[in-house]
Amino acid sequence: MNVQILALAFLAATAIGGVAWVLLYPLLSGQQNLDSRRASIAKSEPVARQADRNQRSRREQVEGSLKELEARRQKEKKLPISVRLTQAGLNWSTQKFTVVSAILGGLFFAVGFFVGGSLLAAAGLAFAGGFGLPRWALGYLKKKREKAFLKALPDAVDVIVRGIKAGLPLFESIKVVAADSPEPLRSEFGAIIETQAIGMPLGEACARLYERMPVPEANFFGIVVSIQQKSGGNLSEALGNLSKVLRDRKKMAEKIQAMSMEAKASAGIIGALPLVVMVLVYITTPDYISLLWTHPTGQLLLVGSAIWMSVGVMVMKKMINFDF
């Protein structure tokens, strides 16, 4: 009898334990939460895939725009004179620039021939005056124009950001910048408006700003607008970040300039030292140093010294100019 009771108790306990296992184990082990989580993940997986696909598409568009701009930059390393004149802010034609260069070359040749009397020295002066001086002037005007552009660009981007936040379209904000900004920002943004008015998309018109103003900041502006026009996004936030980047780059450039002033002063002293010594020797003993421009061998040495000094100055310039 006792054995039967124990057997029945054992069977009852086993049955109760089995029922409890079936009913309580999923709750205690978190199996239901796991199943619900898997179901929610399975439902949200298409949405995640779509978001990942959109993000990947946007990344591909950014990479494509950067590759396109890099290819255009590599193609435009050797710029024609007409483009260089535009970048320098001159309205000259190529023919006018060629005529002015030829006149300068003739004047320098005449001065060198009648003063020195050597055909080689006159030819060297003619080459410097007709080929080197006009292109140096174009480079100087281009850099001066770029500095003025970079000085006013962050404020112009802030104006565009405020206009977009106030509800104005991007094109109208650019019109405000073109109307109120100083040169050369006014003419460059005016060119964007004119280009867009003849049917070119606004993103491509802004991307072409780098062709007329070849500085990284103009390239950044064109990339931001072009990508926003292609894939959408918060343009005011993107341009606000761009304005911060432009101001940080400006601060970094000023810091680098301040840190490199000692090297620039040393390079200037080294470059000017031979000329200063020559002038001092000419003041004290003019007959001793006048052989450099009266004797043919002295003229040849003088030309060679000028060439090597120019090479040294250019090397020092490369060493103390920092790109960032």
C-alpha atoms as a PDB file:
ATOM      1  CA  MET A   1       0.000   0.000   0.000  1.00  0.00           C
ATOM      2  CA  ASN A   2       2.767   2.362   0.910  1.00  0.00           C
ATOM      3  CA  VAL A   3       4.550   1.512  -2.306  1.00  0.00           C
ATOM      4  CA  GLN A   4       1.435   2.295  -4.335  1.00  0.00           C
ATOM      5  CA  ILE A   5       1.008   5.631  -2.556  1.00  0.00           C
ATOM      6  CA  LEU A   6       4.624   6.520  -3.163  1.00  0.00           C
ATOM      7  CA  ALA A   7       4.320   5.544  -6.833  1.00  0.00           C
ATOM      8  CA  LEU A   8       1.175   7.656  -7.238  1.00  0.00           C
ATOM      9  CA  ALA A   9       2.849  10.593  -5.460  1.00  0.00           C
ATOM     10  CA  PHE A  10       5.872  10.230  -7.684  1.00  0.00           C
ATOM     11  CA  LEU A  11       3.720  10.144 -10.825  1.00  0.00           C
ATOM     12  CA  ALA A  12       1.689  13.156  -9.626  1.00  0.00           C
ATOM     13  CA  ALA A  13       4.828  15.118  -8.852  1.00  0.00           C
ATOM     14  CA  THR A  14       6.274  14.239 -12.225  1.00  0.00           C
ATOM     15  CA  ALA A  15       3.097  15.341 -13.997  1.00  0.00           C
ATOM     16  CA  ILE A  16       2.939  18.589 -12.050  1.00  0.00           C
ATOM     17  CA  GLY A  17       6.622  19.197 -12.768  1.00  0.00           C
ATOM     18  CA  GLY A  18       6.093  18.561 -16.469  1.00  0.00           C
ATOM     19  CA  VAL A  19       3.158  20.947 -16.616  1.00  0.00           C
ATOM     20  CA  ALA A  20       5.140  23.564 -14.688  1.00  0.00           C
ATOM     21  CA  TRP A  21       8.079  23.069 -17.026  1.00  0.00           C
ATOM     22  CA  VAL A  22       5.909  23.582 -20.075  1.00  0.00           C
ATOM     23  CA  LEU A  23       4.102  26.613 -18.665  1.00  0.00           C
ATOM     24  CA  LEU A  24       6.761  28.395 -16.595  1.00  0.00           C
ATOM     25  CA  TYR A  25      10.033  27.684 -18.420  1.00  0.00           C
ATOM     26  CA  PRO A  26       9.420  30.106 -21.325  1.00  0.00           C
ATOM     27  CA  LEU A  27       8.643  32.875 -18.856  1.00  0.00           C
ATOM     28  CA  LEU A  28      11.637  32.142 -16.639  1.00  0.00           C
ATOM     29  CA  SER A  29      14.132  31.626 -19.460  1.00  0.00           C
ATOM     30  CA  GLY A  30      13.043  34.659 -21.513  1.00  0.00           C
ATOM     31  CA  GLN A  31      12.150  32.508 -24.514  1.00  0.00           C
ATOM     32  CA  GLN A  32       9.034  34.552 -25.260  1.00  0.00           C
ATOM     33  CA  ASN A  33      11.014  37.780 -25.119  1.00  0.00           C
ATOM     34  CA  LEU A  34      13.567  36.239 -27.434  1.00  0.00           C
ATOM     35  CA  ASP A  35      10.883  35.104 -29.855  1.00  0.00           C
ATOM     36  CA  SER A  36       9.196  38.523 -29.819  1.00  0.00           C
ATOM     37  CA  ARG A  37      12.560  40.191 -30.304  1.00  0.00           C
ATOM     38  CA  ARG A  38      13.313  37.950 -33.259  1.00  0.00           C
ATOM     39  CA  ALA A  39       9.932  38.752 -34.734  1.00  0.00           C
ATOM     40  CA  SER A  40      10.484  42.498 -34.329  1.00  0.00           C
ATOM     41  CA  ILE A  41      13.952  42.205 -35.842  1.00  0.00           C
ATOM     42  CA  ALA A  42      12.509  40.246 -38.746  1.00  0.00           C
ATOM     43  CA  LYS A  43       9.890  42.969 -39.255  1.00  0.00           C
ATOM     44  CA  SER A  44      12.408  45.820 -39.010  1.00  0.00           C
ATOM     45  CA  GLU A  45      15.018  44.110 -41.184  1.00  0.00           C
ATOM     46  CA  PRO A  46      13.545  45.428 -44.473  1.00  0.00           C
ATOM     47  CA  VAL A  47      13.516  48.951 -43.014  1.00  0.00           C
ATOM     48  CA  ALA A  48      17.145  48.582 -41.888  1.00  0.00           C
ATOM     49  CA  ARG A  49      18.094  47.228 -45.269  1.00  0.00           C
ATOM     50  CA  GLN A  50      16.406  50.166 -46.956  1.00  0.00           C
ATOM     51  CA  ALA A  51      18.188  52.656 -44.657  1.00  0.00           C
ATOM     52  CA  ASP A  52      21.496  50.908 -45.270  1.00  0.00           C
ATOM     53  CA  ARG A  53      20.809  50.970 -48.998  1.00  0.00           C
ATOM     54  CA  ASN A  54      20.041  54.700 -48.873  1.00  0.00           C
ATOM     55  CA  GLN A  55      23.171  55.402 -46.835  1.00  0.00           C
ATOM     56  CA  ARG A  56      25.255  53.326 -49.223  1.00  0.00           C
ATOM     57  CA  SER A  57      23.749  55.153 -52.198  1.00  0.00           C
ATOM     58  CA  ARG A  58      24.525  58.516 -50.615  1.00  0.00           C
ATOM     59  CA  ARG A  59      28.098  57.382 -49.895  1.00  0.00           C
ATOM     60  CA  GLU A  60      28.486  56.242 -53.499  1.00  0.00           C
ATOM     61  CA  GLN A  61      27.217  59.607 -54.725  1.00  0.00           C
ATOM     62  CA  VAL A  62      29.728  61.411 -52.500  1.00  0.00           C
ATOM     63  CA  GLU A  63      32.557  59.191 -53.729  1.00  0.00           C
ATOM     64  CA  GLY A  64      31.471  59.715 -57.331  1.00  0.00           C
ATOM     65  CA  SER A  65      31.420  63.497 -56.920  1.00  0.00           C
ATOM     66  CA  LEU A  66      34.855  63.487 -55.293  1.00  0.00           C
ATOM     67  CA  LYS A  67      36.300  61.262 -58.037  1.00  0.00           C
ATOM     68  CA  GLU A  68      34.804  63.501 -60.711  1.00  0.00           C
ATOM     69  CA  LEU A  69      36.259  66.631 -59.143  1.00  0.00           C
ATOM     70  CA  GLU A  70      39.660  64.965 -58.691  1.00  0.00           C
ATOM     71  CA  ALA A  71      39.684  63.885 -62.348  1.00  0.00           C
ATOM     72  CA  ARG A  72      38.785  67.411 -63.393  1.00  0.00           C
ATOM     73  CA  ARG A  73      41.595  68.807 -61.229  1.00  0.00           C
ATOM     74  CA  GLN A  74      44.128  66.411 -62.771  1.00  0.00           C
ATOM     75  CA  LYS A  75      42.941  67.385 -66.230  1.00  0.00           C
ATOM     76  CA  GLU A  76      43.232  71.108 -65.500  1.00  0.00           C
ATOM     77  CA  LYS A  77      46.810  71.132 -64.212  1.00  0.00           C
ATOM     78  CA  LYS A  78      48.002  72.742 -67.449  1.00  0.00           C
ATOM     79  CA  LEU A  79      45.628  75.650 -67.754  1.00  0.00           C
ATOM     80  CA  PRO A  80      45.449  77.782 -70.902  1.00  0.00           C
ATOM     81  CA  ILE A  81      46.167  81.486 -70.748  1.00  0.00           C
ATOM     82  CA  SER A  82      42.483  82.384 -71.104  1.00  0.00           C
ATOM     83  CA  VAL A  83      41.596  80.467 -67.920  1.00  0.00           C
ATOM     84  CA  ARG A  84      44.538  81.953 -66.036  1.00  0.00           C
ATOM     85  CA  LEU A  85      43.429  85.437 -67.067  1.00  0.00           C
ATOM     86  CA  THR A  86      39.939  84.684 -65.736  1.00  0.00           C
ATOM     87  CA  GLN A  87      41.346  83.375 -62.454  1.00  0.00           C
ATOM     88  CA  ALA A  88      43.422  86.548 -62.113  1.00  0.00           C
ATOM     89  CA  GLY A  89      40.298  88.687 -62.571  1.00  0.00           C
ATOM     90  CA  LEU A  90      41.383  90.224 -65.895  1.00  0.00           C
ATOM     91  CA  ASN A  91      39.031  90.707 -68.822  1.00  0.00           C
ATOM     92  CA  TRP A  92      41.869  90.484 -71.337  1.00  0.00           C
ATOM     93  CA  SER A  93      41.810  88.247 -74.363  1.00  0.00           C
ATOM     94  CA  THR A  94      44.645  85.846 -75.153  1.00  0.00           C
ATOM     95  CA  GLN A  95      45.710  88.018 -78.100  1.00  0.00           C
ATOM     96  CA  LYS A  96      45.949  91.110 -75.918  1.00  0.00           C
ATOM     97  CA  PHE A  97      48.030  89.252 -73.329  1.00  0.00           C
ATOM     98  CA  THR A  98      50.358  87.957 -76.077  1.00  0.00           C
ATOM     99  CA  VAL A  99      50.806  91.455 -77.531  1.00  0.00           C
ATOM    100  CA  VAL A 100      51.579  92.977 -74.126  1.00  0.00           C
ATOM    101  CA  SER A 101      54.080  90.174 -73.400  1.00  0.00           C
ATOM    102  CA  ALA A 102      55.782  90.740 -76.764  1.00  0.00           C
ATOM    103  CA  ILE A 103      56.026  94.506 -76.118  1.00  0.00           C
ATOM    104  CA  LEU A 104      57.544  93.910 -72.684  1.00  0.00           C
ATOM    105  CA  GLY A 105      60.013  91.429 -74.169  1.00  0.00           C
ATOM    106  CA  GLY A 106      61.059  93.960 -76.815  1.00  0.00           C
ATOM    107  CA  LEU A 107      61.509  96.713 -74.233  1.00  0.00           C
ATOM    108  CA  PHE A 108      63.626  94.502 -71.986  1.00  0.00           C
ATOM    109  CA  PHE A 109      65.721  93.387 -74.962  1.00  0.00           C
ATOM    110  CA  ALA A 110      66.350  96.982 -75.995  1.00  0.00           C
ATOM    111  CA  VAL A 111      67.304  98.018 -72.463  1.00  0.00           C
ATOM    112  CA  GLY A 112      69.630  95.038 -72.034  1.00  0.00           C
ATOM    113  CA  PHE A 113      71.268  95.519 -75.439  1.00  0.00           C
ATOM    114  CA  PHE A 114      71.872  99.274 -75.207  1.00  0.00           C
ATOM    115  CA  VAL A 115      72.919  99.277 -71.548  1.00  0.00           C
ATOM    116  CA  GLY A 116      75.008  96.085 -71.405  1.00  0.00           C
ATOM    117  CA  GLY A 117      75.871  95.681 -75.048  1.00  0.00           C
ATOM    118  CA  SER A 118      75.765  91.857 -74.840  1.00  0.00           C
ATOM    119  CA  LEU A 119      73.361  89.929 -77.039  1.00  0.00           C
ATOM    120  CA  LEU A 120      73.170  87.045 -74.534  1.00  0.00           C
ATOM    121  CA  ALA A 121      72.267  89.320 -71.626  1.00  0.00           C
ATOM    122  CA  ALA A 122      69.707  91.152 -73.768  1.00  0.00           C
ATOM    123  CA  ALA A 123      68.139  87.825 -74.793  1.00  0.00           C
ATOM    124  CA  GLY A 124      67.956  86.740 -71.155  1.00  0.00           C
ATOM    125  CA  LEU A 125      66.268  90.007 -70.162  1.00  0.00           C
ATOM    126  CA  ALA A 126      63.872  89.713 -73.103  1.00  0.00           C
ATOM    127  CA  PHE A 127      62.884  86.190 -71.998  1.00  0.00           C
ATOM    128  CA  ALA A 128      62.399  87.346 -68.404  1.00  0.00           C
ATOM    129  CA  GLY A 129      60.364  90.394 -69.444  1.00  0.00           C
ATOM    130  CA  GLY A 130      58.277  88.785 -72.168  1.00  0.00           C
ATOM    131  CA  PHE A 131      57.642  85.346 -70.664  1.00  0.00           C
ATOM    132  CA  GLY A 132      58.399  85.376 -66.944  1.00  0.00           C
ATOM    133  CA  LEU A 133      57.156  88.799 -65.824  1.00  0.00           C
ATOM    134  CA  PRO A 134      53.612  88.601 -67.306  1.00  0.00           C
ATOM    135  CA  ARG A 135      53.053  85.117 -65.892  1.00  0.00           C
ATOM    136  CA  TRP A 136      54.428  86.166 -62.521  1.00  0.00           C
ATOM    137  CA  ALA A 137      51.990  89.094 -62.583  1.00  0.00           C
ATOM    138  CA  LEU A 138      49.130  86.687 -63.363  1.00  0.00           C
ATOM    139  CA  GLY A 139      50.142  84.481 -60.437  1.00  0.00           C
ATOM    140  CA  TYR A 140      50.369  87.485 -58.109  1.00  0.00           C
ATOM    141  CA  LEU A 141      46.932  88.789 -59.126  1.00  0.00           C
ATOM    142  CA  LYS A 142      45.457  85.293 -58.819  1.00  0.00           C
ATOM    143  CA  LYS A 143      46.785  84.839 -55.275  1.00  0.00           C
ATOM    144  CA  LYS A 144      45.634  88.308 -54.266  1.00  0.00           C
ATOM    145  CA  ARG A 145      42.164  87.574 -55.612  1.00  0.00           C
ATOM    146  CA  GLU A 146      42.048  84.209 -53.851  1.00  0.00           C
ATOM    147  CA  LYS A 147      42.955  85.810 -50.516  1.00  0.00           C
ATOM    148  CA  ALA A 148      40.142  88.331 -50.895  1.00  0.00           C
ATOM    149  CA  PHE A 149      37.747  85.521 -51.817  1.00  0.00           C
ATOM    150  CA  LEU A 150      38.703  83.372 -48.830  1.00  0.00           C
ATOM    151  CA  LYS A 151      38.393  86.330 -46.490  1.00  0.00           C
ATOM    152  CA  ALA A 152      34.757  86.936 -47.452  1.00  0.00           C
ATOM    153  CA  LEU A 153      33.583  83.355 -48.127  1.00  0.00           C
ATOM    154  CA  PRO A 154      32.732  82.283 -44.515  1.00  0.00           C
ATOM    155  CA  ASP A 155      30.488  85.327 -44.050  1.00  0.00           C
ATOM    156  CA  ALA A 156      28.808  84.616 -47.387  1.00  0.00           C
ATOM    157  CA  VAL A 157      28.123  81.007 -46.372  1.00  0.00           C
ATOM    158  CA  ASP A 158      26.630  82.265 -43.092  1.00  0.00           C
ATOM    159  CA  VAL A 159      24.346  84.580 -45.073  1.00  0.00           C
ATOM    160  CA  ILE A 160      23.193  81.623 -47.168  1.00  0.00           C
ATOM    161  CA  VAL A 161      22.580  79.525 -44.034  1.00  0.00           C
ATOM    162  CA  ARG A 162      20.502  82.268 -42.428  1.00  0.00           C
ATOM    163  CA  GLY A 163      18.525  82.732 -45.636  1.00  0.00           C
ATOM    164  CA  ILE A 164      17.740  79.007 -45.876  1.00  0.00           C
ATOM    165  CA  LYS A 165      16.683  78.889 -42.213  1.00  0.00           C
ATOM    166  CA  ALA A 166      14.433  81.885 -42.851  1.00  0.00           C
ATOM    167  CA  GLY A 167      12.686  80.001 -45.654  1.00  0.00           C
ATOM    168  CA  LEU A 168      14.430  81.369 -48.742  1.00  0.00           C
ATOM    169  CA  PRO A 169      15.439  78.979 -51.530  1.00  0.00           C
ATOM    170  CA  LEU A 170      19.126  78.399 -52.108  1.00  0.00           C
ATOM    171  CA  PHE A 171      19.075  80.332 -55.375  1.00  0.00           C
ATOM    172  CA  GLU A 172      17.586  83.422 -53.705  1.00  0.00           C
ATOM    173  CA  SER A 173      20.157  83.227 -50.908  1.00  0.00           C
ATOM    174  CA  ILE A 174      22.948  83.137 -53.491  1.00  0.00           C
ATOM    175  CA  LYS A 175      21.379  86.201 -55.130  1.00  0.00           C
ATOM    176  CA  VAL A 176      21.605  88.030 -51.796  1.00  0.00           C
ATOM    177  CA  VAL A 177      25.304  87.146 -51.548  1.00  0.00           C
ATOM    178  CA  ALA A 178      25.921  88.269 -55.142  1.00  0.00           C
ATOM    179  CA  ALA A 179      24.214  91.593 -54.465  1.00  0.00           C
ATOM    180  CA  ASP A 180      25.829  92.527 -51.149  1.00  0.00           C
ATOM    181  CA  SER A 181      29.258  90.846 -51.038  1.00  0.00           C
ATOM    182  CA  PRO A 182      32.544  92.540 -51.962  1.00  0.00           C
ATOM    183  CA  GLU A 183      34.653  91.592 -54.943  1.00  0.00           C
ATOM    184  CA  PRO A 184      35.637  89.000 -56.068  1.00  0.00           C
ATOM    185  CA  LEU A 185      32.833  87.154 -54.249  1.00  0.00           C
ATOM    186  CA  ARG A 186      30.192  89.266 -55.978  1.00  0.00           C
ATOM    187  CA  SER A 187      31.369  88.448 -59.492  1.00  0.00           C
ATOM    188  CA  GLU A 188      31.885  84.730 -58.747  1.00  0.00           C
ATOM    189  CA  PHE A 189      28.411  84.245 -57.259  1.00  0.00           C
ATOM    190  CA  GLY A 190      27.012  86.407 -60.032  1.00  0.00           C
ATOM    191  CA  ALA A 191      28.558  83.952 -62.486  1.00  0.00           C
ATOM    192  CA  ILE A 192      26.759  81.122 -60.648  1.00  0.00           C
ATOM    193  CA  ILE A 193      23.445  82.946 -61.070  1.00  0.00           C
ATOM    194  CA  GLU A 194      24.081  83.618 -64.761  1.00  0.00           C
ATOM    195  CA  THR A 195      25.097  80.003 -65.381  1.00  0.00           C
ATOM    196  CA  GLN A 196      22.015  78.670 -63.624  1.00  0.00           C
ATOM    197  CA  ALA A 197      19.774  81.143 -65.479  1.00  0.00           C
ATOM    198  CA  ILE A 198      20.723  79.633 -68.847  1.00  0.00           C
ATOM    199  CA  GLY A 199      19.580  76.163 -67.782  1.00  0.00           C
ATOM    200  CA  MET A 200      22.480  74.548 -65.927  1.00  0.00           C
ATOM    201  CA  PRO A 201      21.522  72.830 -62.629  1.00  0.00           C
ATOM    202  CA  LEU A 202      22.400  74.821 -59.545  1.00  0.00           C
ATOM    203  CA  GLY A 203      24.607  72.063 -58.101  1.00  0.00           C
ATOM    204  CA  GLU A 204      26.702  71.892 -61.259  1.00  0.00           C
ATOM    205  CA  ALA A 205      26.882  75.693 -61.444  1.00  0.00           C
ATOM    206  CA  CYS A 206      28.232  75.800 -57.881  1.00  0.00           C
ATOM    207  CA  ALA A 207      30.684  72.983 -58.654  1.00  0.00           C
ATOM    208  CA  ARG A 208      32.070  75.067 -61.536  1.00  0.00           C
ATOM    209  CA  LEU A 209      33.083  77.741 -59.030  1.00  0.00           C
ATOM    210  CA  TYR A 210      36.311  75.794 -58.491  1.00  0.00           C
ATOM    211  CA  GLU A 211      37.270  76.305 -62.155  1.00  0.00           C
ATOM    212  CA  ARG A 212      37.299  80.081 -61.737  1.00  0.00           C
ATOM    213  CA  MET A 213      38.549  80.121 -58.141  1.00  0.00           C
ATOM    214  CA  PRO A 214      40.878  77.104 -57.664  1.00  0.00           C
ATOM    215  CA  VAL A 215      41.017  76.993 -53.869  1.00  0.00           C
ATOM    216  CA  PRO A 216      39.939  74.048 -51.666  1.00  0.00           C
ATOM    217  CA  GLU A 217      37.283  76.145 -49.922  1.00  0.00           C
ATOM    218  CA  ALA A 218      35.460  76.821 -53.216  1.00  0.00           C
ATOM    219  CA  ASN A 219      35.724  73.107 -53.967  1.00  0.00           C
ATOM    220  CA  PHE A 220      34.139  72.295 -50.576  1.00  0.00           C
ATOM    221  CA  PHE A 221      31.232  74.653 -51.269  1.00  0.00           C
ATOM    222  CA  GLY A 222      30.623  73.137 -54.695  1.00  0.00           C
ATOM    223  CA  ILE A 223      30.732  69.577 -53.313  1.00  0.00           C
ATOM    224  CA  VAL A 224      28.250  70.346 -50.504  1.00  0.00           C
ATOM    225  CA  VAL A 225      25.721  72.004 -52.808  1.00  0.00           C
ATOM    226  CA  SER A 226      26.138  69.415 -55.566  1.00  0.00           C
ATOM    227  CA  ILE A 227      25.637  66.455 -53.217  1.00  0.00           C
ATOM    228  CA  GLN A 228      22.623  68.102 -51.581  1.00  0.00           C
ATOM    229  CA  GLN A 229      21.036  68.708 -54.968  1.00  0.00           C
ATOM    230  CA  LYS A 230      21.558  65.045 -55.930  1.00  0.00           C
ATOM    231  CA  SER A 231      20.668  63.194 -52.741  1.00  0.00           C
ATOM    232  CA  GLY A 232      18.879  65.725 -50.528  1.00  0.00           C
ATOM    233  CA  GLY A 233      19.522  66.421 -46.870  1.00  0.00           C
ATOM    234  CA  ASN A 234      19.627  69.320 -44.444  1.00  0.00           C
ATOM    235  CA  LEU A 235      21.438  71.966 -46.499  1.00  0.00           C
ATOM    236  CA  SER A 236      21.504  74.579 -43.727  1.00  0.00           C
ATOM    237  CA  GLU A 237      23.232  72.144 -41.365  1.00  0.00           C
ATOM    238  CA  ALA A 238      25.725  71.086 -44.041  1.00  0.00           C
ATOM    239  CA  LEU A 239      26.560  74.688 -44.945  1.00  0.00           C
ATOM    240  CA  GLY A 240      26.780  75.596 -41.258  1.00  0.00           C
ATOM    241  CA  ASN A 241      29.371  72.862 -40.777  1.00  0.00           C
ATOM    242  CA  LEU A 242      31.150  74.107 -43.896  1.00  0.00           C
ATOM    243  CA  SER A 243      31.282  77.637 -42.480  1.00  0.00           C
ATOM    244  CA  LYS A 244      32.857  76.282 -39.289  1.00  0.00           C
ATOM    245  CA  VAL A 245      35.400  74.316 -41.332  1.00  0.00           C
ATOM    246  CA  LEU A 246      36.265  77.410 -43.383  1.00  0.00           C
ATOM    247  CA  ARG A 247      36.842  79.509 -40.281  1.00  0.00           C
ATOM    248  CA  ASP A 248      38.959  76.771 -38.684  1.00  0.00           C
ATOM    249  CA  ARG A 249      41.059  76.525 -41.854  1.00  0.00           C
ATOM    250  CA  LYS A 250      41.514  80.283 -41.805  1.00  0.00           C
ATOM    251  CA  LYS A 251      42.687  80.177 -38.190  1.00  0.00           C
ATOM    252  CA  MET A 252      45.047  77.323 -39.006  1.00  0.00           C
ATOM    253  CA  ALA A 253      46.486  79.235 -41.971  1.00  0.00           C
ATOM    254  CA  GLU A 254      47.101  82.310 -39.797  1.00  0.00           C
ATOM    255  CA  LYS A 255      48.722  80.142 -37.117  1.00  0.00           C
ATOM    256  CA  ILE A 256      50.993  78.484 -39.697  1.00  0.00           C
ATOM    257  CA  GLN A 257      51.905  81.884 -41.121  1.00  0.00           C
ATOM    258  CA  ALA A 258      52.821  83.162 -37.667  1.00  0.00           C
ATOM    259  CA  MET A 259      54.918  80.066 -36.918  1.00  0.00           C
ATOM    260  CA  SER A 260      56.766  80.257 -40.250  1.00  0.00           C
ATOM    261  CA  MET A 261      57.646  83.946 -40.069  1.00  0.00           C
ATOM    262  CA  GLU A 262      61.071  83.189 -38.597  1.00  0.00           C
ATOM    263  CA  ALA A 263      61.908  80.841 -41.483  1.00  0.00           C
ATOM    264  CA  LYS A 264      60.609  83.384 -44.003  1.00  0.00           C
ATOM    265  CA  ALA A 265      62.740  86.132 -42.451  1.00  0.00           C
ATOM    266  CA  SER A 266      65.814  83.892 -42.605  1.00  0.00           C
ATOM    267  CA  ALA A 267      65.082  83.018 -46.236  1.00  0.00           C
ATOM    268  CA  GLY A 268      64.659  86.717 -47.087  1.00  0.00           C
ATOM    269  CA  ILE A 269      67.981  87.606 -45.479  1.00  0.00           C
ATOM    270  CA  ILE A 270      69.780  84.773 -47.281  1.00  0.00           C
ATOM    271  CA  GLY A 271      68.223  85.717 -50.609  1.00  0.00           C
ATOM    272  CA  ALA A 272      68.986  89.426 -50.259  1.00  0.00           C
ATOM    273  CA  LEU A 273      72.528  89.012 -48.923  1.00  0.00           C
ATOM    274  CA  PRO A 274      74.306  88.650 -52.324  1.00  0.00           C
ATOM    275  CA  LEU A 275      72.543  91.727 -53.715  1.00  0.00           C
ATOM    276  CA  VAL A 276      73.353  93.768 -50.611  1.00  0.00           C
ATOM    277  CA  VAL A 277      77.028  92.724 -50.748  1.00  0.00           C
ATOM    278  CA  MET A 278      77.189  93.613 -54.449  1.00  0.00           C
ATOM    279  CA  VAL A 279      75.721  97.078 -53.816  1.00  0.00           C
ATOM    280  CA  LEU A 280      78.116  97.707 -50.918  1.00  0.00           C
ATOM    281  CA  VAL A 281      81.119  96.614 -52.975  1.00  0.00           C
ATOM    282  CA  TYR A 282      79.969  98.837 -55.846  1.00  0.00           C
ATOM    283  CA  ILE A 283      79.705 101.816 -53.482  1.00  0.00           C
ATOM    284  CA  THR A 284      83.194 101.271 -52.046  1.00  0.00           C
ATOM    285  CA  THR A 285      85.105 100.022 -55.122  1.00  0.00           C
ATOM    286  CA  PRO A 286      83.035 100.340 -58.301  1.00  0.00           C
ATOM    287  CA  ASP A 287      85.926  99.466 -60.634  1.00  0.00           C
ATOM    288  CA  TYR A 288      86.411  96.128 -58.889  1.00  0.00           C
ATOM    289  CA  ILE A 289      82.853  94.836 -59.386  1.00  0.00           C
ATOM    290  CA  SER A 290      81.993  96.589 -62.660  1.00  0.00           C
ATOM    291  CA  LEU A 291      83.759  93.779 -64.516  1.00  0.00           C
ATOM    292  CA  LEU A 292      80.650  91.677 -63.921  1.00  0.00           C
ATOM    293  CA  TRP A 293      78.653  93.699 -66.473  1.00  0.00           C
ATOM    294  CA  THR A 294      81.414  95.131 -68.656  1.00  0.00           C
ATOM    295  CA  HIS A 295      83.435  91.982 -69.406  1.00  0.00           C
ATOM    296  CA  PRO A 296      81.798  89.080 -71.362  1.00  0.00           C
ATOM    297  CA  THR A 297      82.990  86.501 -68.842  1.00  0.00           C
ATOM    298  CA  GLY A 298      81.636  88.614 -65.987  1.00  0.00           C
ATOM    299  CA  GLN A 299      78.279  88.915 -67.759  1.00  0.00           C
ATOM    300  CA  LEU A 300      78.144  85.136 -68.190  1.00  0.00           C
ATOM    301  CA  LEU A 301      78.949  84.666 -64.504  1.00  0.00           C
ATOM    302  CA  LEU A 302      76.343  87.243 -63.558  1.00  0.00           C
ATOM    303  CA  VAL A 303      73.642  85.452 -65.562  1.00  0.00           C
ATOM    304  CA  GLY A 304      74.628  82.079 -64.086  1.00  0.00           C
ATOM    305  CA  SER A 305      74.585  83.531 -60.563  1.00  0.00           C
ATOM    306  CA  ALA A 306      71.138  85.014 -61.161  1.00  0.00           C
ATOM    307  CA  ILE A 307      69.834  81.644 -62.373  1.00  0.00           C
ATOM    308  CA  TRP A 308      71.246  79.731 -59.394  1.00  0.00           C
ATOM    309  CA  MET A 309      70.024  82.370 -56.956  1.00  0.00           C
ATOM    310  CA  SER A 310      66.537  82.097 -58.472  1.00  0.00           C
ATOM    311  CA  VAL A 311      66.645  78.317 -58.064  1.00  0.00           C
ATOM    312  CA  GLY A 312      67.724  78.686 -54.433  1.00  0.00           C
ATOM    313  CA  VAL A 313      64.967  81.210 -53.706  1.00  0.00           C
ATOM    314  CA  MET A 314      62.336  78.911 -55.219  1.00  0.00           C
ATOM    315  CA  VAL A 315      63.626  75.965 -53.185  1.00  0.00           C
ATOM    316  CA  MET A 316      63.501  77.997 -49.970  1.00  0.00           C
ATOM    317  CA  LYS A 317      60.004  79.148 -50.882  1.00  0.00           C
ATOM    318  CA  LYS A 318      58.876  75.549 -51.271  1.00  0.00           C
ATOM    319  CA  MET A 319      60.439  74.656 -47.936  1.00  0.00           C
ATOM    320  CA  ILE A 320      58.713  77.391 -45.942  1.00  0.00           C
ATOM    321  CA  ASN A 321      55.274  77.292 -47.622  1.00  0.00           C
ATOM    322  CA  PHE A 322      52.978  74.734 -46.000  1.00  0.00           C
ATOM    323  CA  ASP A 323      49.946  73.206 -47.685  1.00  0.00           C
ATOM    324  CA  PHE A 324      47.148  71.929 -45.455  1.00  0.00           C
END
